């Protein structure tokens, strides 16, 4: 999500997976850009960011809903 600021600028709202427990073990954070998503390392937030198209992001999310990633 992109939130407007009072000075006319905007900022991204980053989030972690609902499975993250808040104890610092998260691997990635995501932010919606309106036409896709951004993904970054939660412990290296100033490092590189991966931009993903909306179609690719929706496909990824749908696939993850149907695939178990736990042993």
Protein backbone atom coordinates (compact mmCIF):
# COMPACT_ATOMS: atom_id res chain seq x y z
CA UNK A 1 0.00 0.00 0.00
CA UNK A 2 1.20 3.51 -0.73
CA UNK A 3 0.18 6.12 1.84
CA UNK A 4 0.13 9.86 1.08
CA UNK A 5 2.11 12.13 3.41
CA UNK A 6 1.10 15.64 4.47
CA UNK A 7 3.96 17.15 2.44
CA UNK A 8 2.62 15.64 -0.81
CA UNK A 9 5.09 12.75 -0.91
CA UNK A 10 4.14 9.12 -0.33
CA UNK A 11 5.55 6.13 1.49
CA UNK A 12 5.26 2.39 1.07
CA UNK A 13 3.71 0.26 3.79
CA UNK A 14 5.79 -2.92 4.22
CA UNK A 15 4.32 -6.07 5.80
CA UNK A 16 5.45 -9.57 6.71
CA UNK A 17 3.58 -12.85 6.32
CA UNK A 18 0.78 -13.64 8.74
CA UNK A 19 2.87 -16.66 9.82
CA UNK A 20 5.63 -14.35 11.10
CA UNK A 21 5.67 -14.29 14.87
CA UNK A 22 7.31 -10.88 15.31
CA UNK A 23 10.36 -12.41 17.00
CA UNK A 24 12.72 -11.21 14.27
CA UNK A 25 12.89 -14.43 12.27
CA UNK A 26 11.06 -13.10 9.21
CA UNK A 27 12.80 -13.52 5.90
CA UNK A 28 11.02 -11.07 3.62
CA UNK A 29 8.76 -8.04 3.69
CA UNK A 30 6.36 -7.05 0.93
CA UNK A 31 4.71 -3.82 -0.18
CA UNK A 32 1.90 -3.33 -2.66
CA UNK A 33 2.56 -0.76 -5.37
CA UNK A 34 -0.90 -0.71 -6.92
CA UNK A 35 0.25 -2.49 -10.08
CA UNK A 36 2.42 -5.14 -8.45
CA UNK A 37 4.51 -5.79 -5.37
CA UNK A 38 7.95 -5.14 -3.96
CA UNK A 39 9.85 -7.77 -1.94
CA UNK A 40 12.89 -7.17 0.29
CA UNK A 41 14.96 -8.86 2.99
CA UNK A 42 13.47 -7.93 6.36
CA UNK A 43 16.90 -7.72 8.00
CA UNK A 44 18.56 -5.74 5.20
CA UNK A 45 15.86 -3.20 4.35
CA UNK A 46 18.29 -0.83 2.62
CA UNK A 47 19.53 -3.58 0.27
CA UNK A 48 18.08 -4.53 -3.11
CA UNK A 49 14.32 -4.72 -3.67
CA UNK A 50 12.67 -7.10 -6.13
CA UNK A 51 9.79 -5.65 -8.16
CA UNK A 52 7.11 -8.10 -9.27
CA UNK A 53 4.28 -7.41 -11.74
CA UNK A 54 0.70 -7.66 -10.55
CA UNK A 55 0.04 -10.75 -12.68
CA UNK A 56 3.15 -12.52 -11.38
CA UNK A 57 2.34 -11.58 -7.77
CA UNK A 58 -1.25 -12.86 -8.02
CA UNK A 59 -0.02 -16.10 -9.59
CA UNK A 60 2.55 -16.55 -6.81
CA UNK A 61 -0.02 -15.92 -4.05
CA UNK A 62 -2.55 -18.32 -5.63
CA UNK A 63 0.12 -21.01 -5.97
CA UNK A 64 1.24 -20.59 -2.37
CA UNK A 65 -2.35 -20.97 -1.16
CA UNK A 66 -2.45 -24.43 -2.72
CA UNK A 67 1.07 -25.67 -1.96
CA UNK A 68 2.18 -26.75 1.48
CA UNK A 69 5.64 -25.41 2.28
CA UNK A 70 5.87 -27.14 5.64
CA UNK A 71 7.19 -30.69 6.11
